[in-house]
N, C-alpha and C. Protein backbone atom coordinates (compact mmCIF):
# COMPACT_ATOMS: atom_id res chain seq x y z
N MET A 1 -100.36 168.90 128.80
CA MET A 1 -99.18 169.59 127.99
C MET A 1 -97.85 169.54 128.52
N TRP A 2 -97.93 169.78 129.87
CA TRP A 2 -96.60 169.46 130.45
C TRP A 2 -95.78 168.23 130.37
N GLN A 3 -96.65 167.27 130.22
CA GLN A 3 -96.03 165.98 130.07
C GLN A 3 -95.46 165.77 128.60
N ARG A 4 -95.82 166.31 127.76
CA ARG A 4 -95.37 166.36 126.36
C ARG A 4 -93.97 166.91 126.32
N ARG A 5 -93.82 168.24 127.23
CA ARG A 5 -92.55 168.93 127.02
C ARG A 5 -91.41 168.07 127.78
N SER A 6 -91.96 167.42 128.74
CA SER A 6 -90.98 166.56 129.77
C SER A 6 -90.27 165.61 128.94
N LYS A 7 -91.20 164.85 127.92
CA LYS A 7 -90.90 163.82 127.37
C LYS A 7 -89.80 164.43 126.24
N ARG A 8 -90.13 165.40 125.57
CA ARG A 8 -89.12 166.05 124.69
C ARG A 8 -87.70 166.29 125.09
N HIS A 9 -87.75 166.95 126.26
CA HIS A 9 -86.50 167.48 126.68
C HIS A 9 -85.78 166.47 127.75
N ARG A 10 -86.14 165.27 127.80
CA ARG A 10 -85.37 164.33 128.62
C ARG A 10 -84.42 163.90 127.94
N GLU A 11 -83.08 164.03 128.73
CA GLU A 11 -81.68 163.69 128.15
C GLU A 11 -81.54 162.10 128.63
N VAL A 12 -80.89 161.52 127.67
CA VAL A 12 -80.52 160.21 127.73
C VAL A 12 -78.89 160.05 127.80
N ASN A 13 -78.57 159.65 128.89
CA ASN A 13 -76.99 159.37 128.99
C ASN A 13 -76.60 158.06 128.66
N THR A 14 -76.10 157.95 127.53
CA THR A 14 -75.72 156.55 127.00
C THR A 14 -74.16 156.59 126.68
N GLU A 15 -73.45 155.47 126.79
CA GLU A 15 -72.10 155.54 126.49
C GLU A 15 -71.95 154.90 125.09
N LEU A 16 -70.97 155.38 124.48
CA LEU A 16 -70.76 154.80 123.11
C LEU A 16 -69.86 153.45 123.43
N ASN A 17 -70.30 152.47 122.66
CA ASN A 17 -69.45 151.17 122.85
C ASN A 17 -68.66 150.89 121.60
N ILE A 18 -67.34 151.24 121.85
CA ILE A 18 -66.37 151.08 120.65
C ILE A 18 -65.52 149.95 120.80
N THR A 19 -65.90 149.10 121.51
CA THR A 19 -64.96 147.79 121.78
C THR A 19 -64.88 147.06 120.64
N ALA A 20 -65.83 146.72 119.88
CA ALA A 20 -65.83 146.04 118.58
C ALA A 20 -64.87 146.81 117.54
N PHE A 21 -65.16 148.02 117.48
CA PHE A 21 -64.24 148.80 116.62
C PHE A 21 -62.80 148.74 117.02
N MET A 22 -62.47 148.79 118.29
CA MET A 22 -61.01 148.70 118.64
C MET A 22 -60.53 147.30 118.43
N ASN A 23 -61.18 146.22 118.58
CA ASN A 23 -60.82 144.93 118.13
C ASN A 23 -60.53 144.73 116.70
N LEU A 24 -61.29 145.35 116.00
CA LEU A 24 -61.23 145.44 114.42
C LEU A 24 -59.91 146.03 114.20
N MET A 25 -59.61 147.19 114.78
CA MET A 25 -58.18 147.79 114.41
C MET A 25 -57.00 147.07 115.10
N VAL A 26 -57.14 146.51 116.17
CA VAL A 26 -56.11 145.68 116.79
C VAL A 26 -55.78 144.60 115.74
N VAL A 27 -56.55 143.96 115.13
CA VAL A 27 -56.44 142.89 114.12
C VAL A 27 -55.98 143.48 112.60
N LEU A 28 -56.84 144.72 112.18
CA LEU A 28 -56.57 144.96 110.99
C LEU A 28 -55.03 145.73 110.69
N VAL A 29 -54.53 146.52 111.66
CA VAL A 29 -53.41 147.30 111.58
C VAL A 29 -52.27 146.27 111.30
N PRO A 30 -52.10 145.36 112.25
CA PRO A 30 -50.80 144.32 111.97
C PRO A 30 -51.04 143.71 110.52
N PHE A 31 -52.19 143.41 110.33
CA PHE A 31 -52.44 142.62 108.97
C PHE A 31 -52.14 143.59 107.91
N LEU A 32 -52.47 144.67 107.78
CA LEU A 32 -52.16 145.67 106.76
C LEU A 32 -50.58 145.93 106.85
N LEU A 33 -49.89 146.01 107.80
CA LEU A 33 -48.42 146.20 107.87
C LEU A 33 -47.66 145.02 107.32
N ILE A 34 -47.99 143.88 107.77
CA ILE A 34 -47.50 142.58 107.15
C ILE A 34 -47.67 142.46 105.79
N SER A 35 -48.75 142.61 105.22
CA SER A 35 -49.15 142.34 103.77
C SER A 35 -48.80 143.37 102.86
N ALA A 36 -48.40 144.77 103.28
CA ALA A 36 -47.83 145.54 102.59
C ALA A 36 -46.58 145.37 101.75
N VAL A 37 -46.65 145.77 100.60
CA VAL A 37 -45.54 145.47 99.62
C VAL A 37 -44.33 146.69 99.63
N PHE A 38 -43.44 146.31 100.30
CA PHE A 38 -42.25 147.40 100.21
C PHE A 38 -41.58 147.34 99.14
N SER A 39 -41.88 148.31 98.13
CA SER A 39 -41.26 148.15 96.78
C SER A 39 -40.07 149.18 96.67
N GLN A 40 -39.05 148.80 95.93
CA GLN A 40 -37.87 149.55 95.99
C GLN A 40 -37.95 150.52 94.70
N VAL A 41 -37.95 151.69 94.93
CA VAL A 41 -37.92 152.77 93.87
C VAL A 41 -36.76 153.13 93.64
N SER A 42 -36.32 153.12 92.22
CA SER A 42 -34.98 153.49 91.97
C SER A 42 -35.20 154.62 91.14
N ILE A 43 -34.35 155.65 91.40
CA ILE A 43 -34.30 156.86 90.61
C ILE A 43 -33.24 157.07 89.82
N LEU A 44 -33.43 157.57 88.53
CA LEU A 44 -32.48 157.68 87.59
C LEU A 44 -32.33 159.20 87.31
N ASN A 45 -31.14 159.77 87.47
CA ASN A 45 -30.97 161.12 87.36
C ASN A 45 -30.74 161.41 85.98
N LEU A 46 -31.52 162.34 85.44
CA LEU A 46 -31.41 162.65 84.10
C LEU A 46 -30.94 164.20 83.78
N ASN A 47 -30.24 164.38 82.86
CA ASN A 47 -29.67 165.83 82.50
C ASN A 47 -30.65 166.25 81.46
N LEU A 48 -31.56 167.22 81.73
CA LEU A 48 -32.31 167.73 80.78
C LEU A 48 -31.67 168.85 79.92
N PRO A 49 -31.90 169.14 78.63
CA PRO A 49 -31.22 170.13 77.84
C PRO A 49 -31.64 171.38 78.60
N GLY A 50 -30.69 172.42 78.59
CA GLY A 50 -30.86 173.64 79.12
C GLY A 50 -30.91 173.97 80.57
N THR A 51 -30.66 172.83 81.27
CA THR A 51 -30.70 173.00 82.67
C THR A 51 -29.19 173.19 83.52
N SER A 52 -28.14 172.92 82.60
CA SER A 52 -27.04 173.20 83.06
C SER A 52 -26.49 174.82 82.79
N ALA A 53 -25.61 174.83 83.57
CA ALA A 53 -24.94 176.20 83.32
C ALA A 53 -24.13 176.52 81.96
N PRO A 54 -24.13 177.56 81.38
CA PRO A 54 -23.57 177.64 80.00
C PRO A 54 -22.00 177.49 80.03
N ALA A 55 -21.33 176.58 79.34
CA ALA A 55 -20.00 176.53 79.58
C ALA A 55 -19.16 177.46 78.52
N GLN A 56 -17.94 177.65 78.88
CA GLN A 56 -17.07 178.28 77.88
C GLN A 56 -16.82 177.51 76.76
N THR A 57 -16.71 178.22 75.60
CA THR A 57 -16.41 177.42 74.34
C THR A 57 -14.95 177.02 74.18
N PRO A 58 -14.73 175.91 74.30
CA PRO A 58 -13.35 175.63 74.23
C PRO A 58 -12.79 175.52 72.64
N GLU A 59 -11.46 175.43 72.41
CA GLU A 59 -11.07 175.49 70.99
C GLU A 59 -11.92 174.45 70.25
N GLU A 60 -11.66 173.24 70.72
CA GLU A 60 -12.15 171.93 69.99
C GLU A 60 -13.50 171.62 70.60
N PRO A 61 -14.73 171.49 70.06
CA PRO A 61 -15.93 171.00 70.70
C PRO A 61 -15.58 169.68 71.22
N PRO A 62 -16.14 169.43 72.48
CA PRO A 62 -16.04 168.02 73.05
C PRO A 62 -16.82 166.96 72.38
N LYS A 63 -16.47 165.71 72.39
CA LYS A 63 -17.05 164.71 71.78
C LYS A 63 -18.51 164.43 72.54
N ALA A 64 -19.39 164.28 71.86
CA ALA A 64 -20.92 164.26 72.37
C ALA A 64 -21.58 163.09 71.78
N LEU A 65 -21.95 161.94 72.27
CA LEU A 65 -22.63 160.99 71.58
C LEU A 65 -24.24 161.13 71.71
N GLU A 66 -24.85 160.76 70.62
CA GLU A 66 -26.41 160.81 70.81
C GLU A 66 -26.82 159.52 70.14
N VAL A 67 -28.00 159.20 70.79
CA VAL A 67 -28.69 157.96 70.13
C VAL A 67 -30.02 158.59 69.72
N ILE A 68 -30.22 158.63 68.29
CA ILE A 68 -31.56 159.19 67.87
C ILE A 68 -32.41 158.05 67.53
N VAL A 69 -33.69 158.27 68.33
CA VAL A 69 -34.57 157.20 68.18
C VAL A 69 -35.67 157.59 67.10
N ARG A 70 -35.74 156.82 65.90
CA ARG A 70 -36.92 157.22 64.93
C ARG A 70 -37.80 156.02 64.86
N ALA A 71 -38.88 156.47 64.21
CA ALA A 71 -39.78 155.39 64.10
C ALA A 71 -39.40 154.09 63.55
N ASN A 72 -38.52 154.23 62.43
CA ASN A 72 -38.02 153.04 61.97
C ASN A 72 -36.68 152.52 62.06
N GLN A 73 -36.00 153.38 63.07
CA GLN A 73 -34.39 152.99 63.29
C GLN A 73 -33.91 153.70 64.33
N LEU A 74 -32.79 153.10 64.83
CA LEU A 74 -32.00 153.94 65.98
C LEU A 74 -30.67 154.43 65.22
N GLU A 75 -30.12 155.60 65.39
CA GLU A 75 -29.00 156.11 64.95
C GLU A 75 -28.02 156.48 66.06
N VAL A 76 -27.00 155.97 66.04
CA VAL A 76 -25.74 156.44 66.99
C VAL A 76 -24.98 157.42 66.42
N ALA A 77 -24.80 158.62 66.90
CA ALA A 77 -24.07 159.77 66.20
C ALA A 77 -23.21 160.45 67.08
N GLU A 78 -22.28 160.88 66.41
CA GLU A 78 -21.24 161.81 67.28
C GLU A 78 -21.37 163.18 66.78
N ARG A 79 -21.98 164.18 67.83
CA ARG A 79 -22.39 165.32 67.39
C ARG A 79 -21.35 166.26 66.67
N SER A 80 -20.00 166.40 66.78
CA SER A 80 -19.06 167.21 66.08
C SER A 80 -18.83 166.85 64.89
N SER A 81 -18.47 165.24 64.93
CA SER A 81 -17.99 165.01 63.55
C SER A 81 -19.12 164.42 62.50
N GLY A 82 -20.24 164.22 63.13
CA GLY A 82 -21.44 163.91 62.16
C GLY A 82 -21.44 162.36 61.73
N GLY A 83 -20.48 161.65 62.20
CA GLY A 83 -20.49 160.25 61.84
C GLY A 83 -21.57 159.52 62.64
N PHE A 84 -22.24 158.33 62.06
CA PHE A 84 -23.15 157.68 62.90
C PHE A 84 -23.44 156.41 62.22
N THR A 85 -23.85 155.55 62.98
CA THR A 85 -24.22 154.20 62.84
C THR A 85 -25.82 154.02 62.75
N THR A 86 -26.25 153.13 61.85
CA THR A 86 -27.80 153.18 61.75
C THR A 86 -28.42 151.86 62.00
N ILE A 87 -29.17 151.40 62.90
CA ILE A 87 -29.67 150.13 63.25
C ILE A 87 -31.11 150.17 62.81
N VAL A 88 -31.28 149.56 61.76
CA VAL A 88 -32.82 149.49 61.22
C VAL A 88 -33.44 148.37 61.92
N ASN A 89 -34.75 148.82 62.18
CA ASN A 89 -35.76 147.96 62.95
C ASN A 89 -35.96 146.57 62.27
N ASP A 90 -36.25 145.55 62.98
CA ASP A 90 -36.65 144.26 62.25
C ASP A 90 -37.75 144.29 61.31
N GLU A 91 -37.56 143.86 60.17
CA GLU A 91 -38.54 144.01 59.15
C GLU A 91 -39.76 142.99 59.24
N ALA A 92 -39.60 142.13 60.00
CA ALA A 92 -40.87 141.19 60.26
C ALA A 92 -41.72 141.81 61.44
N THR A 93 -41.02 142.07 62.39
CA THR A 93 -41.75 142.53 63.67
C THR A 93 -41.87 144.21 63.84
N GLY A 94 -40.96 144.75 63.13
CA GLY A 94 -40.81 146.13 63.43
C GLY A 94 -40.35 146.57 64.81
N ASP A 95 -39.78 145.64 65.60
CA ASP A 95 -39.19 146.07 66.76
C ASP A 95 -37.77 146.62 66.66
N TYR A 96 -37.21 147.39 67.60
CA TYR A 96 -36.04 147.97 67.77
C TYR A 96 -35.01 146.86 68.13
N ASP A 97 -33.79 146.96 67.62
CA ASP A 97 -32.56 146.08 67.91
C ASP A 97 -31.82 146.55 69.01
N PHE A 98 -32.35 146.43 70.34
CA PHE A 98 -31.48 147.04 71.48
C PHE A 98 -30.25 146.20 71.63
N VAL A 99 -30.11 145.03 71.09
CA VAL A 99 -28.96 144.20 71.46
C VAL A 99 -27.86 144.81 70.49
N ALA A 100 -28.27 145.08 69.18
CA ALA A 100 -27.41 145.68 68.10
C ALA A 100 -26.91 147.17 68.69
N LEU A 101 -27.63 147.84 69.26
CA LEU A 101 -27.40 149.35 70.00
C LEU A 101 -26.42 149.22 70.93
N ASN A 102 -26.62 148.02 71.77
CA ASN A 102 -25.75 147.88 73.17
C ASN A 102 -24.34 147.54 72.51
N GLN A 103 -24.35 146.63 71.50
CA GLN A 103 -23.01 146.31 70.87
C GLN A 103 -22.34 147.38 70.19
N ALA A 104 -22.92 148.17 69.30
CA ALA A 104 -22.38 149.30 68.96
C ALA A 104 -21.70 150.32 69.82
N LEU A 105 -22.47 150.53 70.84
CA LEU A 105 -22.03 151.40 72.04
C LEU A 105 -20.74 150.66 72.73
N GLN A 106 -20.72 149.42 72.87
CA GLN A 106 -19.51 148.87 73.41
C GLN A 106 -18.40 149.02 72.51
N LYS A 107 -18.63 149.10 71.24
CA LYS A 107 -17.53 149.22 70.37
C LYS A 107 -17.09 150.57 70.38
N LEU A 108 -18.00 151.48 70.52
CA LEU A 108 -17.36 153.02 70.60
C LEU A 108 -16.76 153.21 72.03
N LYS A 109 -17.34 152.54 73.15
CA LYS A 109 -16.61 152.73 74.44
C LYS A 109 -15.15 152.05 74.41
N ALA A 110 -14.95 151.01 73.59
CA ALA A 110 -13.57 150.53 73.44
C ALA A 110 -12.57 151.53 72.81
N HIS A 111 -13.25 152.45 72.15
CA HIS A 111 -12.25 153.50 71.31
C HIS A 111 -11.71 154.45 72.25
N PRO A 112 -10.47 155.00 72.23
CA PRO A 112 -9.73 155.74 73.09
C PRO A 112 -10.42 157.07 73.32
N ASP A 113 -11.06 157.66 72.40
CA ASP A 113 -11.75 158.93 72.29
C ASP A 113 -12.98 158.86 73.27
N PHE A 114 -13.49 157.54 73.46
CA PHE A 114 -14.82 157.59 74.13
C PHE A 114 -14.61 156.70 75.34
N ALA A 115 -13.50 156.35 75.62
CA ALA A 115 -13.22 155.29 76.79
C ALA A 115 -13.70 156.02 78.32
N GLN A 116 -13.28 157.37 78.33
CA GLN A 116 -13.59 157.98 79.67
C GLN A 116 -14.88 158.67 79.62
N MET A 117 -15.59 158.65 78.57
CA MET A 117 -16.84 159.44 78.44
C MET A 117 -17.83 158.64 79.29
N THR A 118 -18.81 159.37 79.95
CA THR A 118 -19.87 158.83 80.65
C THR A 118 -21.29 159.33 80.13
N ASN A 119 -21.19 160.26 79.48
CA ASN A 119 -22.60 160.93 79.06
C ASN A 119 -23.07 160.59 77.74
N ILE A 120 -24.25 160.58 77.62
CA ILE A 120 -24.85 160.27 76.10
C ILE A 120 -26.27 161.03 76.13
N THR A 121 -26.73 161.44 74.93
CA THR A 121 -27.99 162.01 74.74
C THR A 121 -29.11 161.10 73.99
N ILE A 122 -30.13 161.08 74.48
CA ILE A 122 -31.09 160.37 73.77
C ILE A 122 -32.09 161.26 73.21
N LEU A 123 -32.09 161.24 71.64
CA LEU A 123 -33.11 162.08 71.13
C LEU A 123 -34.17 161.51 70.46
N LEU A 124 -35.45 161.75 70.80
CA LEU A 124 -36.71 160.93 70.42
C LEU A 124 -37.40 161.84 69.47
N GLU A 125 -37.97 161.05 68.28
CA GLU A 125 -38.83 161.66 67.58
C GLU A 125 -40.32 161.74 68.28
N GLU A 126 -41.26 162.40 67.67
CA GLU A 126 -42.58 162.52 68.33
C GLU A 126 -43.26 161.06 68.17
N ASP A 127 -43.97 160.77 69.19
CA ASP A 127 -44.91 159.55 69.33
C ASP A 127 -44.15 158.20 69.20
N ILE A 128 -43.02 158.31 70.00
CA ILE A 128 -42.08 157.20 70.51
C ILE A 128 -42.75 156.55 71.75
N PRO A 129 -43.09 155.52 71.74
CA PRO A 129 -43.42 154.93 72.97
C PRO A 129 -42.65 154.89 74.26
N TYR A 130 -43.26 155.12 75.41
CA TYR A 130 -42.43 155.33 76.61
C TYR A 130 -41.37 154.26 76.77
N ASP A 131 -41.84 153.04 76.48
CA ASP A 131 -41.27 151.59 76.81
C ASP A 131 -40.04 151.70 75.80
N VAL A 132 -40.11 152.06 74.71
CA VAL A 132 -38.96 152.18 73.85
C VAL A 132 -37.98 153.26 74.36
N LEU A 133 -38.20 154.24 75.03
CA LEU A 133 -37.40 155.16 75.73
C LEU A 133 -36.54 154.29 76.87
N VAL A 134 -37.48 153.63 77.70
CA VAL A 134 -36.76 152.79 78.80
C VAL A 134 -35.73 151.77 78.38
N GLN A 135 -36.11 151.08 77.25
CA GLN A 135 -35.16 149.98 76.72
C GLN A 135 -34.12 150.74 76.17
N THR A 136 -34.26 151.84 75.29
CA THR A 136 -33.01 152.50 74.99
C THR A 136 -32.14 153.04 76.20
N MET A 137 -32.53 153.44 77.19
CA MET A 137 -31.87 154.01 78.18
C MET A 137 -31.07 152.87 78.87
N ASP A 138 -31.82 151.61 78.85
CA ASP A 138 -31.14 150.57 79.57
C ASP A 138 -30.18 149.94 78.68
N ALA A 139 -30.26 150.06 77.29
CA ALA A 139 -29.16 149.62 76.40
C ALA A 139 -27.93 150.52 76.30
N THR A 140 -28.23 151.89 76.71
CA THR A 140 -27.12 152.66 76.78
C THR A 140 -26.37 152.67 77.91
N ARG A 141 -26.95 152.34 79.13
CA ARG A 141 -26.36 152.64 80.43
C ARG A 141 -25.74 151.25 80.84
N LEU A 142 -25.99 150.04 80.47
CA LEU A 142 -25.51 148.73 81.01
C LEU A 142 -24.99 147.81 79.94
N VAL A 143 -23.82 147.03 80.25
CA VAL A 143 -23.47 146.14 79.40
C VAL A 143 -23.39 144.75 80.16
N GLU A 144 -23.82 143.69 79.61
CA GLU A 144 -23.91 142.42 80.35
C GLU A 144 -22.65 141.70 79.92
N LYS A 145 -21.84 141.16 80.78
CA LYS A 145 -20.68 140.22 80.58
C LYS A 145 -20.80 138.97 81.46
N GLU A 146 -20.41 137.84 80.78
CA GLU A 146 -20.35 136.65 81.45
C GLU A 146 -19.04 136.47 81.72
N GLU A 147 -18.79 136.13 83.29
CA GLU A 147 -17.48 135.66 83.69
C GLU A 147 -17.50 134.46 84.25
N THR A 148 -16.41 133.48 84.10
CA THR A 148 -16.38 132.25 84.70
C THR A 148 -15.71 132.37 85.83
N LEU A 149 -16.35 131.72 86.95
CA LEU A 149 -15.84 131.58 88.13
C LEU A 149 -14.68 130.59 88.46
N ASP A 150 -14.09 130.45 89.44
CA ASP A 150 -13.21 129.50 89.72
C ASP A 150 -13.71 128.15 89.79
N ASN A 151 -15.06 128.07 90.26
CA ASN A 151 -15.64 126.56 90.27
C ASN A 151 -16.28 126.33 88.86
N GLY A 152 -16.10 126.88 88.01
CA GLY A 152 -16.39 126.59 86.67
C GLY A 152 -17.98 127.21 86.20
N LYS A 153 -18.60 127.80 87.13
CA LYS A 153 -19.73 128.22 86.84
C LYS A 153 -19.59 129.51 86.25
N THR A 154 -20.67 130.06 85.39
CA THR A 154 -20.59 131.58 84.84
C THR A 154 -21.57 132.36 85.55
N GLU A 155 -21.12 133.45 85.55
CA GLU A 155 -22.04 134.57 86.27
C GLU A 155 -22.17 135.80 85.36
N VAL A 156 -23.17 136.39 85.45
CA VAL A 156 -23.50 137.45 84.61
C VAL A 156 -23.04 138.76 85.49
N VAL A 157 -22.24 139.74 84.86
CA VAL A 157 -21.75 140.74 85.57
C VAL A 157 -22.34 142.01 84.78
N PHE A 158 -22.83 142.86 85.47
CA PHE A 158 -23.02 144.20 84.73
C PHE A 158 -22.09 145.34 84.68
N GLY A 159 -21.72 146.02 83.65
CA GLY A 159 -20.83 147.07 83.61
C GLY A 159 -21.56 148.39 83.07
N GLU A 160 -20.80 149.36 83.30
CA GLU A 160 -21.36 150.68 82.91
C GLU A 160 -20.86 151.11 81.48
N LEU A 161 -21.68 151.62 80.58
CA LEU A 161 -21.30 152.14 79.31
C LEU A 161 -21.34 153.61 79.45
N PHE A 162 -22.52 154.22 79.29
CA PHE A 162 -22.83 155.53 79.48
C PHE A 162 -23.97 155.82 80.38
N PRO A 163 -23.72 155.89 81.65
CA PRO A 163 -24.64 156.23 82.65
C PRO A 163 -25.29 157.48 82.68
N ASP A 164 -24.81 158.43 82.44
CA ASP A 164 -25.30 159.86 82.57
C ASP A 164 -26.08 160.26 81.07
N ILE A 165 -27.44 160.15 81.34
CA ILE A 165 -28.14 160.23 80.03
C ILE A 165 -28.84 161.46 80.02
N SER A 166 -28.97 162.24 78.96
CA SER A 166 -29.62 163.37 78.70
C SER A 166 -30.68 163.13 77.62
N ILE A 167 -31.98 163.60 77.77
CA ILE A 167 -32.93 163.52 76.93
C ILE A 167 -33.39 164.57 76.13
N GLY A 168 -33.87 164.61 74.86
CA GLY A 168 -34.14 165.71 73.91
C GLY A 168 -35.10 165.23 72.79
N SER A 169 -35.52 166.29 72.00
CA SER A 169 -36.21 165.81 70.83
C SER A 169 -35.28 165.77 69.52
N ALA A 170 -35.57 164.72 68.92
CA ALA A 170 -34.80 164.52 67.69
C ALA A 170 -35.07 165.60 66.66
N PRO A 171 -33.79 165.75 65.83
CA PRO A 171 -33.85 166.63 64.71
C PRO A 171 -34.84 166.04 63.67
N PRO A 172 -35.18 166.66 62.68
CA PRO A 172 -36.06 166.26 61.58
C PRO A 172 -34.93 165.25 60.78
N ASP A 173 -35.83 164.21 60.13
CA ASP A 173 -34.95 163.37 59.42
C ASP A 173 -34.97 163.69 57.97
N TYR A 174 -33.67 164.48 57.69
CA TYR A 174 -33.56 164.85 56.22
C TYR A 174 -33.66 163.84 55.26
N SER A 175 -33.28 162.66 55.51
CA SER A 175 -33.08 161.77 54.60
C SER A 175 -34.55 161.45 53.88
N LYS A 176 -35.60 161.64 54.75
CA LYS A 176 -36.98 161.32 54.17
C LYS A 176 -37.28 162.39 53.32
N GLN A 177 -36.86 163.45 53.72
CA GLN A 177 -37.35 164.83 52.93
C GLN A 177 -36.55 164.99 51.63
N GLN A 178 -35.33 164.37 51.70
CA GLN A 178 -34.71 164.46 50.32
C GLN A 178 -35.11 163.27 49.59
N GLY A 179 -35.45 162.24 50.04
CA GLY A 179 -36.10 161.08 49.22
C GLY A 179 -37.53 161.57 48.59
N ALA A 180 -38.14 162.27 49.35
CA ALA A 180 -39.46 162.90 48.74
C ALA A 180 -39.28 163.84 47.62
N LYS A 181 -38.16 164.69 47.90
CA LYS A 181 -37.92 165.73 46.84
C LYS A 181 -37.54 165.00 45.45
N ASN A 182 -36.72 163.95 45.67
CA ASN A 182 -36.27 163.35 44.49
C ASN A 182 -37.22 162.38 43.66
N LYS A 183 -38.35 162.07 44.38
CA LYS A 183 -39.39 161.27 43.63
C LYS A 183 -40.17 162.36 42.63
N PRO A 184 -40.58 161.51 41.44
CA PRO A 184 -41.37 162.52 40.61
C PRO A 184 -42.86 162.71 41.05
């Protein structure tokens, strides 16, 4: 009986051999650092409705441009005057015409009333894909111009249109509602 107890309580002093693990770490850590992709994350600051301090009401309301993204068209509107331009989607593909949107905004930027303006509001209907929002933001922020260099080569230069973007929900499309009321 004494022999059984001695076998159970016998302690074994062994050292843990971590040499192989350390060799793996010495090889693996530099490999992971070299192969890691260092991506550049760009942040676009957006002004969301209701986050700014309430301003005092001036005599004449300031000009405010809006791009309303609907399921079948893009609308460029000025909030106080109500005037707007409609850019209908391509009939064959149903895609939005962001080039026409960019050109319409370039014309507005050339007007003296909007030359110093940098802010614009993008209003979206429900169920508009995120990619459409991103492309709309790109079309409203930048303009591409080709410049000819001294050596005769052309270079694409980007300029700003309306870089300060606010996002919100689009108002209801009353033209659809009026059209539905007029039908028998």
